[in-house]
Amino acid sequence: MTINVRGKAPTKHGERTRSDMTASPMQTSLLTQIGLASDASPHAQSAAHTARGASIDPGSIARSRIEPGDAVALLRRLPDASVDAIVTDPAYESLEKHRAIGTTTRLKHSKSSSNDWFSIFPNARFPEFFSEAFRVLKKHAHLYLYCDQETMFVAKPIAEEHGFKLWKPLVWDKVAIGMGYHYRSRYELVLFFEKGKRKLHDLGVPDVLVHSRIHRGYPSEKPAAISRVLIRQSTEPGALIVDPFSGSGSVGVAAVSLGRRFLGGDVCREACEVAAARIAETETGNAPDDLDVTRRKKHEDT
């Protein structure tokens, strides 16, 4: 079976070219489970589509699961107090502003969003997101939200209105500078929210996490290594980690590699295909952390 993924390798303008990925039996099984396998029967695809609106039993997730669809709708399908941690990276609204003024050239090709891979999650929807996130998290749990400084000022008061406490913004130092003007940026933020009271495992971890950005990968992909620190700090093995904006699945890769269970979702069907394949590879110990096209090619050739 071949999964045809619109994974476009960057050109000088940040566009990506088409590539194919061959699925292993484990990948095929996982893709069939979520209704994305090309060789699934029409009946199976229809059944999977119908099940997307049904409640999700967290106990049924033995290792990982990907659900195509809206982020808030995914959270609404979960029971109260059923999730150990949320680590997520919404396609925040300010991305559009940066594209419009020319401070990013990576995200293109859509009327509703600046690329073919994801739709912008508007700031106006943060209240329903934080309401559902607070509901599904267990009594003492953490939520980590990747964002930029502009989105932080929007998200913080809304999260606090819905019961969260912001401990602090963590800094992801990307090592090299990016696009922009007036002190070009080389960092992004991770907002560290808490529900109830939960201790971190290692109080010696600093609030600046250093890891180079992902090159030639999924648009705005976050390193699995950064999410791995957050997951290890806030959960135990076997815990359920949820990322309702899972994109290419880097949080899932981090969770599975640490022996946690993972539930992800994304509105982009092709992103779900990529995430499912990556996580299946991670479960067998055969996957690189990120989607760098050059690195993946070398990995597959060995």
Protein backbone atom coordinates (compact mmCIF):
# COMPACT_ATOMS: atom_id res chain seq x y z
CA MET A 1 0.00 0.00 0.00
CA THR A 2 1.23 3.51 -0.76
CA ILE A 3 -0.02 6.58 1.09
CA ASN A 4 0.25 9.58 -1.18
CA VAL A 5 1.01 12.50 1.11
CA ARG A 6 1.20 16.08 -0.02
CA GLY A 7 4.44 16.51 1.89
CA LYS A 8 6.07 19.29 -0.09
CA ALA A 9 9.82 19.69 0.29
CA PRO A 10 10.70 23.38 0.71
CA THR A 11 11.89 25.43 -2.22
CA LYS A 12 13.44 28.86 -1.84
CA HIS A 13 9.90 30.21 -1.24
CA GLY A 14 9.07 27.64 1.44
CA GLU A 15 6.83 25.55 -0.81
CA ARG A 16 6.90 21.74 -0.65
CA THR A 17 6.94 19.10 -3.40
CA ARG A 18 4.93 15.89 -3.51
CA SER A 19 6.40 12.71 -1.97
CA ASP A 20 5.21 9.16 -1.33
CA MET A 21 5.51 7.13 1.86
CA THR A 22 5.11 3.34 1.90
CA ALA A 23 3.14 2.10 4.89
CA SER A 24 4.18 -0.88 6.99
CA PRO A 25 1.48 -3.36 8.12
CA MET A 26 1.31 -1.52 11.46
CA GLN A 27 0.84 1.83 9.68
CA THR A 28 -1.83 0.31 7.42
CA SER A 29 -3.70 -0.99 10.47
CA LEU A 30 -3.58 2.38 12.19
CA LEU A 31 -4.68 4.27 9.08
CA THR A 32 -7.56 1.85 8.53
CA GLN A 33 -8.61 2.38 12.14
CA ILE A 34 -9.07 6.11 11.53
CA GLY A 35 -10.64 5.69 8.11
CA LEU A 36 -7.67 7.04 6.14
CA ALA A 37 -6.25 3.93 4.49
CA SER A 38 -6.70 4.02 0.73
CA ASP A 39 -7.52 0.32 0.63
CA ALA A 40 -10.18 0.44 3.35
CA SER A 41 -13.59 -0.72 2.10
CA PRO A 42 -16.30 1.93 1.48
CA HIS A 43 -18.25 0.42 4.38
CA ALA A 44 -15.24 0.74 6.72
CA GLN A 45 -14.65 4.32 5.62
CA SER A 46 -18.31 5.16 6.17
CA ALA A 47 -18.29 3.52 9.61
CA ALA A 48 -15.16 5.44 10.57
CA HIS A 49 -16.76 8.68 9.40
CA THR A 50 -19.90 8.02 11.44
CA ALA A 51 -17.86 7.17 14.54
CA ARG A 52 -16.07 10.50 14.51
CA GLY A 53 -18.97 12.17 16.29
CA ALA A 54 -19.26 9.45 18.94
CA SER A 55 -17.85 9.62 22.45
CA ILE A 56 -14.27 8.49 22.90
CA ASP A 57 -13.45 6.04 25.68
CA PRO A 58 -9.92 6.95 26.83
CA GLY A 59 -9.49 3.42 28.16
CA SER A 60 -9.79 2.08 24.63
CA ILE A 61 -6.60 3.89 23.57
CA ALA A 62 -3.92 1.30 24.18
CA ARG A 63 -1.12 3.27 22.51
CA SER A 64 -2.24 5.96 20.06
CA ARG A 65 -5.17 7.20 18.05
CA ILE A 66 -5.67 9.97 15.47
CA GLU A 67 -9.10 11.50 14.85
CA PRO A 68 -9.63 13.80 11.85
CA GLY A 69 -11.78 16.81 12.68
CA ASP A 70 -12.15 20.04 14.61
CA ALA A 71 -10.06 20.47 17.75
CA VAL A 72 -12.85 21.59 20.06
CA ALA A 73 -15.18 18.91 18.71
CA LEU A 74 -12.55 16.30 19.58
CA LEU A 75 -12.33 17.52 23.18
CA ARG A 76 -16.13 17.47 23.47
CA ARG A 77 -16.10 13.76 22.73
CA LEU A 78 -14.00 13.02 25.82
CA PRO A 79 -15.37 12.39 29.34
CA ASP A 80 -14.77 14.80 32.21
CA ALA A 81 -11.41 14.52 33.99
CA SER A 82 -10.08 11.85 31.61
CA VAL A 83 -6.88 13.43 30.25
CA ASP A 84 -3.52 13.59 32.01
CA ALA A 85 -2.01 16.45 29.98
CA ILE A 86 -2.62 18.56 26.89
CA VAL A 87 0.34 19.64 24.77
CA THR A 88 -0.73 21.50 21.66
CA ASP A 89 0.16 24.03 19.00
CA PRO A 90 -2.87 25.76 17.44
CA ALA A 91 -2.44 27.57 14.14
CA TYR A 92 -2.79 30.91 15.87
CA GLU A 93 -4.40 33.90 14.20
CA SER A 94 -1.31 36.10 14.27
CA LEU A 95 0.30 33.87 11.62
CA GLU A 96 -1.89 35.66 9.09
CA LYS A 97 -0.64 39.06 10.21
CA HIS A 98 2.99 38.00 9.89
CA ARG A 99 2.34 36.68 6.40
CA ALA A 100 0.55 39.88 5.37
CA ILE A 101 3.40 42.18 6.43
CA GLY A 102 6.09 39.90 5.02
CA THR A 103 7.66 38.66 8.26
CA THR A 104 7.17 35.04 7.22
CA THR A 105 7.43 33.43 3.81
CA ARG A 106 6.97 29.82 4.89
CA LEU A 107 3.18 29.67 4.98
CA LYS A 108 1.34 30.12 1.68
CA HIS A 109 -1.35 28.88 -0.74
CA SER A 110 -4.83 29.34 0.67
CA LYS A 111 -7.55 31.97 0.76
CA SER A 112 -8.57 31.06 4.32
CA SER A 113 -5.08 30.36 5.60
CA SER A 114 -1.53 30.97 4.58
CA ASN A 115 -0.83 27.40 3.48
CA ASP A 116 -2.38 24.18 2.21
CA TRP A 117 -1.92 22.26 5.44
CA PHE A 118 -3.99 23.91 8.16
CA SER A 119 -6.75 26.45 8.75
CA ILE A 120 -6.14 29.28 11.17
CA PHE A 121 -7.73 28.81 14.61
CA PRO A 122 -9.28 32.23 15.33
CA ASN A 123 -8.76 33.96 18.67
CA ALA A 124 -12.55 34.12 19.06
CA ARG A 125 -12.61 30.35 19.58
CA PHE A 126 -10.18 30.29 22.51
CA PRO A 127 -13.01 30.49 25.10
CA GLU A 128 -14.58 27.22 23.92
CA PHE A 129 -11.17 25.60 23.61
CA PHE A 130 -10.10 26.44 27.18
CA SER A 131 -13.54 25.54 28.54
CA GLU A 132 -13.34 22.05 27.05
CA ALA A 133 -9.66 21.62 27.90
CA PHE A 134 -10.34 22.42 31.56
CA ARG A 135 -13.26 20.01 31.63
CA VAL A 136 -11.41 17.02 30.17
CA LEU A 137 -8.20 17.42 32.17
CA LYS A 138 -7.89 15.52 35.42
CA LYS A 139 -8.15 17.34 38.76
CA HIS A 140 -4.42 18.10 38.91
CA ALA A 141 -2.94 18.45 35.43
CA HIS A 142 -1.00 20.68 33.06
CA LEU A 143 -1.71 22.24 29.69
CA TYR A 144 1.10 23.47 27.43
CA LEU A 145 0.22 25.83 24.59
CA TYR A 146 2.79 26.71 21.92
CA CYS A 147 2.26 30.28 20.73
CA ASP A 148 3.88 33.62 19.92
CA GLN A 149 3.98 36.69 22.16
CA GLU A 150 0.91 38.25 20.54
CA THR A 151 -1.22 35.16 21.08
CA MET A 152 -0.02 34.92 24.68
CA PHE A 153 -1.78 38.19 25.57
CA VAL A 154 -5.00 36.84 24.05
CA ALA A 155 -4.86 33.33 25.49
CA LYS A 156 -3.76 34.10 29.07
CA PRO A 157 -6.84 35.99 30.34
CA ILE A 158 -9.24 33.63 28.58
CA ALA A 159 -7.57 30.56 30.09
CA GLU A 160 -7.67 32.15 33.55
CA GLU A 161 -11.38 32.93 33.14
CA HIS A 162 -11.96 29.22 32.63
CA GLY A 163 -10.05 28.11 35.72
CA PHE A 164 -6.44 27.72 34.63
CA LYS A 165 -3.44 29.26 36.35
CA LEU A 166 -0.59 30.47 34.14
CA TRP A 167 2.64 29.67 35.92
CA LYS A 168 4.82 31.28 33.29
CA PRO A 169 5.66 31.33 29.59
CA LEU A 170 8.48 28.94 28.75
CA VAL A 171 10.87 29.94 25.98
CA TRP A 172 11.81 27.67 23.11
CA ASP A 173 15.17 28.97 21.86
CA LYS A 174 15.47 27.99 18.19
CA VAL A 175 19.22 28.71 18.17
CA ALA A 176 19.12 30.57 14.81
CA ILE A 177 17.18 33.72 13.98
CA GLY A 178 14.13 33.67 11.71
CA MET A 179 12.22 36.14 9.57
CA GLY A 180 11.22 39.61 10.76
CA TYR A 181 12.35 43.14 11.54
CA HIS A 182 13.35 45.07 14.71
CA TYR A 183 15.33 42.39 16.56
CA ARG A 184 14.60 39.29 14.51
CA SER A 185 13.03 36.48 16.48
CA ARG A 186 14.80 33.26 17.41
CA TYR A 187 12.29 32.00 19.96
CA GLU A 188 8.69 30.94 20.50
CA LEU A 189 6.72 30.59 23.70
CA VAL A 190 5.08 27.67 25.44
CA LEU A 191 2.45 28.79 27.94
CA PHE A 192 2.55 26.61 31.05
CA PHE A 193 -0.97 26.35 32.51
CA GLU A 194 -2.07 24.37 35.54
CA LYS A 195 -5.41 22.93 36.67
CA GLY A 196 -5.40 22.19 40.40
CA LYS A 197 -1.93 21.60 41.83
CA ARG A 198 0.58 19.25 40.25
CA LYS A 199 4.32 19.12 40.90
CA LEU A 200 6.84 18.89 38.12
CA HIS A 201 9.14 15.88 38.19
CA ASP A 202 12.39 17.83 37.91
CA LEU A 203 12.55 21.31 39.42
CA GLY A 204 16.01 21.78 37.92
CA VAL A 205 14.75 22.11 34.34
CA PRO A 206 15.19 25.75 33.17
CA ASP A 207 12.47 27.87 31.59
CA VAL A 208 14.49 28.23 28.38
CA LEU A 209 14.49 25.05 26.28
CA VAL A 210 17.07 25.00 23.50
CA HIS A 211 16.59 23.07 20.27
CA SER A 212 17.07 24.09 16.65
CA ARG A 213 13.98 24.64 14.53
CA ILE A 214 12.80 21.93 12.14
CA HIS A 215 13.98 22.50 8.57
CA ARG A 216 12.25 21.03 5.50
CA GLY A 217 9.42 19.69 7.64
CA TYR A 218 5.72 20.20 8.16
CA PRO A 219 4.80 23.93 8.31
CA SER A 220 5.60 25.39 11.76
CA GLU A 221 6.46 21.92 13.10
CA LYS A 222 7.66 21.83 16.70
CA PRO A 223 10.55 19.55 17.72
CA ALA A 224 9.48 16.36 19.44
CA ALA A 225 12.42 16.91 21.80
CA ILE A 226 10.77 20.01 23.29
CA SER A 227 7.42 18.27 23.80
CA ARG A 228 9.25 15.32 25.32
CA VAL A 229 10.57 17.58 28.11
CA LEU A 230 7.05 18.88 28.84
CA ILE A 231 5.46 15.42 28.85
CA ARG A 232 8.17 13.91 31.04
CA GLN A 233 7.83 16.80 33.52
CA SER A 234 4.05 16.60 33.89
CA THR A 235 3.00 12.95 33.51
CA GLU A 236 3.77 9.35 34.39
CA PRO A 237 4.23 6.40 32.00
CA GLY A 238 0.88 5.20 30.69
CA ALA A 239 -0.67 8.67 30.95
CA LEU A 240 -2.97 9.95 28.20
CA ILE A 241 -1.58 12.94 26.30
CA VAL A 242 -3.95 14.85 24.01
CA ASP A 243 -3.08 17.21 21.17
CA PRO A 244 -6.22 18.40 19.34
CA PHE A 245 -4.08 20.39 16.84
CA SER A 246 -1.70 17.51 16.17
CA GLY A 247 -0.49 18.48 12.69
CA SER A 248 2.26 16.08 11.64
CA GLY A 249 2.20 14.33 15.02
CA SER A 250 5.36 15.55 16.75
CA VAL A 251 3.66 15.60 20.17
CA GLY A 252 2.46 12.05 19.51
CA VAL A 253 5.99 10.99 18.63
CA ALA A 254 7.20 12.47 21.93
CA ALA A 255 4.41 10.85 23.95
CA VAL A 256 4.74 7.36 22.47
CA SER A 257 8.53 7.40 22.77
CA LEU A 258 8.11 8.03 26.52
CA GLY A 259 5.63 5.21 27.05
CA ARG A 260 2.59 7.50 27.23
CA ARG A 261 -0.65 7.01 25.31
CA PHE A 262 -1.66 9.58 22.73
CA LEU A 263 -4.84 11.00 21.24
CA GLY A 264 -4.42 13.50 18.42
CA GLY A 265 -6.68 15.28 15.99
CA ASP A 266 -6.45 17.69 13.09
CA VAL A 267 -8.80 19.25 10.56
CA CYS A 268 -6.36 18.37 7.76
CA ARG A 269 -6.84 14.82 6.46
CA GLU A 270 -3.33 14.63 5.03
CA ALA A 271 -1.80 15.79 8.30
CA CYS A 272 -3.59 12.91 10.01
CA GLU A 273 -2.09 10.51 7.49
CA VAL A 274 1.40 11.83 8.17
CA ALA A 275 0.89 11.75 11.95
CA ALA A 276 -0.46 8.20 11.92
CA ALA A 277 2.48 6.94 9.88
CA ARG A 278 5.06 8.74 12.04
CA ILE A 279 3.60 7.47 15.30
CA ALA A 280 3.40 3.92 13.97
CA GLU A 281 7.07 4.13 13.04
CA THR A 282 7.90 5.51 16.48
CA GLU A 283 6.14 2.57 18.14
CA THR A 284 8.54 0.24 16.31
CA GLY A 285 11.56 2.43 17.09
CA ASN A 286 12.23 3.19 13.43
CA ALA A 287 11.37 6.87 13.11
CA PRO A 288 13.43 10.08 13.26
CA ASP A 289 12.06 12.77 15.57
CA ASP A 290 11.11 15.26 12.87
CA LEU A 291 10.01 15.44 9.25
CA ASP A 292 13.23 16.86 7.78
CA VAL A 293 12.97 15.51 4.25
CA THR A 294 16.72 15.08 3.80
CA ARG A 295 17.12 13.27 7.11
CA ARG A 296 14.09 11.02 6.43
CA LYS A 297 15.49 10.06 3.02
CA LYS A 298 18.82 9.04 4.58
CA HIS A 299 16.95 7.11 7.29
CA GLU A 300 14.86 5.20 4.75
CA ASP A 301 17.92 4.35 2.64
CA THR A 302 19.75 2.68 5.53
